[in-house]
Protein backbone atom coordinates (compact mmCIF):
# COMPACT_ATOMS: atom_id res chain seq x y z
CA TYR A 1 32.25 6.41 14.00
CA PRO A 2 34.20 4.34 11.56
CA THR A 3 33.36 4.59 7.86
CA TRP A 4 31.25 1.50 7.56
CA LYS A 5 29.05 2.81 10.33
CA ARG A 6 28.40 5.98 8.54
CA THR A 7 27.99 4.39 5.34
CA LEU A 8 25.14 2.13 6.82
CA PHE A 9 23.53 4.96 8.51
CA ARG A 10 23.35 6.96 5.36
CA ARG A 11 22.03 4.27 3.59
CA ALA A 12 19.53 4.07 5.92
CA ARG A 13 18.57 7.28 5.79
CA GLU A 14 18.10 7.41 1.78
CA ALA A 15 16.13 4.34 2.01
CA GLN A 16 13.79 5.74 4.68
CA MET A 17 13.43 8.89 2.60
CA LYS A 18 12.56 6.99 -0.31
CA ARG A 19 9.80 5.15 1.55
CA PHE A 20 8.76 8.62 2.66
CA TYR A 21 8.69 9.70 -0.89
CA ARG A 22 6.76 6.75 -2.10
CA ALA A 23 4.12 7.07 0.59
CA GLN A 24 3.83 10.67 -0.20
CA ALA A 25 2.98 9.96 -3.80
CA ILE A 26 0.75 6.91 -2.58
CA GLN A 27 -1.54 9.26 -0.41
CA ARG A 28 -1.76 12.19 -3.08
CA ARG A 29 -3.04 9.07 -5.84
CA LEU A 30 -5.46 7.83 -3.19
CA GLU A 31 -6.85 11.42 -2.66
CA GLU A 32 -7.24 11.82 -6.59
CA ILE A 33 -9.07 8.49 -6.43
CA GLU A 34 -11.39 9.97 -3.80
CA VAL A 35 -12.32 12.47 -5.52
CA THR A 36 -12.78 10.88 -8.90
CA PHE A 37 -15.34 8.60 -6.80
CA ARG A 38 -17.24 11.31 -6.01
CA GLU A 39 -17.59 12.89 -9.38
CA LEU A 40 -18.20 9.34 -10.79
CA GLU A 41 -21.04 8.90 -8.04
CA GLN A 42 -22.45 12.35 -8.93
CA GLN A 43 -22.61 11.69 -12.78
CA GLY A 44 -23.98 8.15 -11.91
CA ILE A 45 -26.72 9.86 -10.16
CA LYS A 46 -27.49 12.28 -12.61
CA LEU A 47 -27.86 9.36 -15.17
CA GLU A 48 -30.18 7.34 -12.95
CA LYS A 49 -32.36 10.13 -12.35
CA LEU A 50 -32.51 10.67 -16.56
CA LEU A 51 -33.17 7.18 -16.63
CA ARG A 52 -36.07 6.58 -14.34
CA GLU A 53 -37.51 10.37 -15.08
CA GLU A 54 -37.43 9.77 -19.13
CA ASN A 55 -39.12 6.94 -19.85
CA GLU A 56 -40.76 8.70 -23.16
CA SER A 57 -37.55 9.28 -24.43
CA PRO A 58 -36.31 7.41 -27.41
CA THR A 59 -34.72 4.21 -26.83
CA ASP A 60 -31.63 5.36 -28.83
CA GLN A 61 -31.31 7.97 -25.62
CA GLN A 62 -32.15 5.69 -23.21
CA THR A 63 -29.40 2.97 -24.46
CA GLN A 64 -27.09 5.47 -24.37
CA TRP A 65 -27.59 6.71 -21.13
CA THR A 66 -27.65 3.06 -19.97
CA ASN A 67 -24.00 2.36 -21.92
CA GLN A 68 -22.90 5.85 -19.89
CA LEU A 69 -23.96 4.43 -16.62
CA LEU A 70 -22.16 0.83 -17.19
CA TYR A 71 -18.89 3.00 -18.29
CA LEU A 72 -19.10 4.82 -14.94
CA VAL A 73 -19.37 1.52 -12.90
CA GLN A 74 -16.23 -0.19 -15.08
CA LYS A 75 -14.71 2.92 -14.27
CA LYS A 76 -15.23 2.69 -10.39
CA ASN A 77 -14.31 -0.83 -10.47
CA ASN A 78 -11.24 -0.30 -11.86
CA LEU A 79 -10.38 2.63 -9.45
CA MET A 80 -11.31 0.73 -6.50
CA ASN A 81 -8.98 -2.19 -7.72
CA GLU A 82 -6.05 0.71 -7.77
CA GLU A 83 -7.37 1.84 -4.53
CA SER A 84 -7.28 -1.79 -2.92
CA ASP A 85 -3.52 -2.04 -4.85
CA LEU A 86 -2.26 1.48 -3.05
CA MET A 87 -3.40 -0.04 0.52
CA ILE A 88 -1.21 -2.94 -0.13
CA MET A 89 1.82 -1.07 -1.19
CA VAL A 90 1.21 1.22 2.13
CA GLN A 91 0.98 -1.94 4.29
CA GLU A 92 4.14 -3.18 2.72
CA LEU A 93 5.76 0.43 3.12
CA LYS A 94 4.73 0.09 6.91
CA LEU A 95 6.47 -3.18 7.28
CA GLU A 96 9.43 -2.63 5.21
CA GLU A 97 9.93 0.35 7.57
CA GLN A 98 9.36 -1.91 10.88
CA GLN A 99 11.81 -4.22 9.25
CA CYS A 100 14.83 -1.46 9.09
CA GLN A 101 14.20 -0.31 12.21
CA LEU A 102 13.93 -4.04 13.75
CA ASP A 103 17.46 -4.39 11.47
CA GLN A 104 19.06 -1.70 13.15
CA LYS A 105 18.15 -2.69 16.73
CA LEU A 106 19.65 -6.17 15.58
CA ARG A 107 22.67 -4.43 14.34
CA SER A 108 23.44 -2.41 17.62
CA CYS A 109 22.82 -5.54 19.41
CA MET A 110 24.98 -7.89 17.63
CA ASN A 111 27.60 -5.05 17.63
CA LYS A 112 28.30 -5.84 21.42
CA GLU A 113 31.26 -7.52 22.37
CA GLU A 114 30.21 -11.14 23.18
CA THR A 115 32.08 -11.15 26.52
CA LEU A 116 30.22 -7.82 27.49
CA LYS A 117 26.71 -9.50 26.70
CA THR A 118 24.12 -10.32 29.66
CA PRO A 119 21.49 -13.11 29.38
CA GLU A 120 19.12 -9.93 29.05
CA ASP A 121 21.25 -8.98 25.72
CA TYR A 122 20.81 -12.58 24.29
CA LYS A 123 17.04 -12.74 25.09
CA ALA A 124 16.68 -9.11 23.44
CA GLU A 125 18.72 -10.19 20.34
CA LYS A 126 16.40 -13.17 20.21
CA GLU A 127 13.08 -11.40 20.65
CA ILE A 128 14.13 -8.83 17.81
CA LEU A 129 14.99 -11.63 15.61
CA MET A 130 11.39 -13.48 16.00
CA GLN A 131 9.88 -10.04 15.50
CA LEU A 132 12.07 -9.64 12.26
CA LEU A 133 10.96 -12.98 11.01
CA GLU A 134 7.04 -12.21 11.77
CA VAL A 135 7.61 -8.77 9.64
CA VAL A 136 9.18 -11.00 6.91
CA GLU A 137 6.36 -13.53 7.24
CA LYS A 138 3.78 -10.51 6.98
CA ARG A 139 5.77 -9.19 3.60
CA ASN A 140 5.50 -12.52 2.06
CA HIS A 141 1.86 -12.91 2.66
CA LEU A 142 1.37 -9.32 1.02
CA ILE A 143 3.40 -10.73 -1.91
CA GLN A 144 1.24 -13.89 -2.07
CA ILE A 145 -1.96 -11.61 -2.17
CA GLN A 146 -0.93 -9.17 -4.76
CA GLU A 147 0.16 -12.25 -7.06
CA GLU A 148 -2.95 -14.07 -6.44
CA LYS A 149 -4.70 -10.81 -7.47
CA ARG A 150 -2.78 -10.63 -10.71
CA LEU A 151 -3.62 -13.87 -11.39
CA SER A 152 -6.87 -13.97 -10.82
CA GLU A 153 -7.15 -10.58 -13.30
CA LEU A 154 -5.66 -12.56 -15.94
């Protein structure tokens, strides 16, 4: 292989490894969020039981429990937002990987000598281009969703 092809393959492998590491980090964080959800759920159940069973306890105590319960709900909502963001990132990584694979296919098709190309080769090239455009549109849609979400949070 000429040097430029080796460089191209090396860069593609490096980009693939970066996506893989990001996907692993996202997966770990999603698992952490799931564990935290369960813990918050257990704490919330305990607080609800205390509020229902202890009607004769001082109002200060009930107020404190209610505030703790509201704090847990707020924390859970924040985690749900983070989980939603992470799921969007997972979709984005999948589309990025798909785009990279389509780019490589397209390059191999385009590197073929023009005089040796058959009508099927041109058709395959056009099909790959259409798939590539679809992936780019999907990635753009995800970016729009993230931007709308960010603006609504402001």
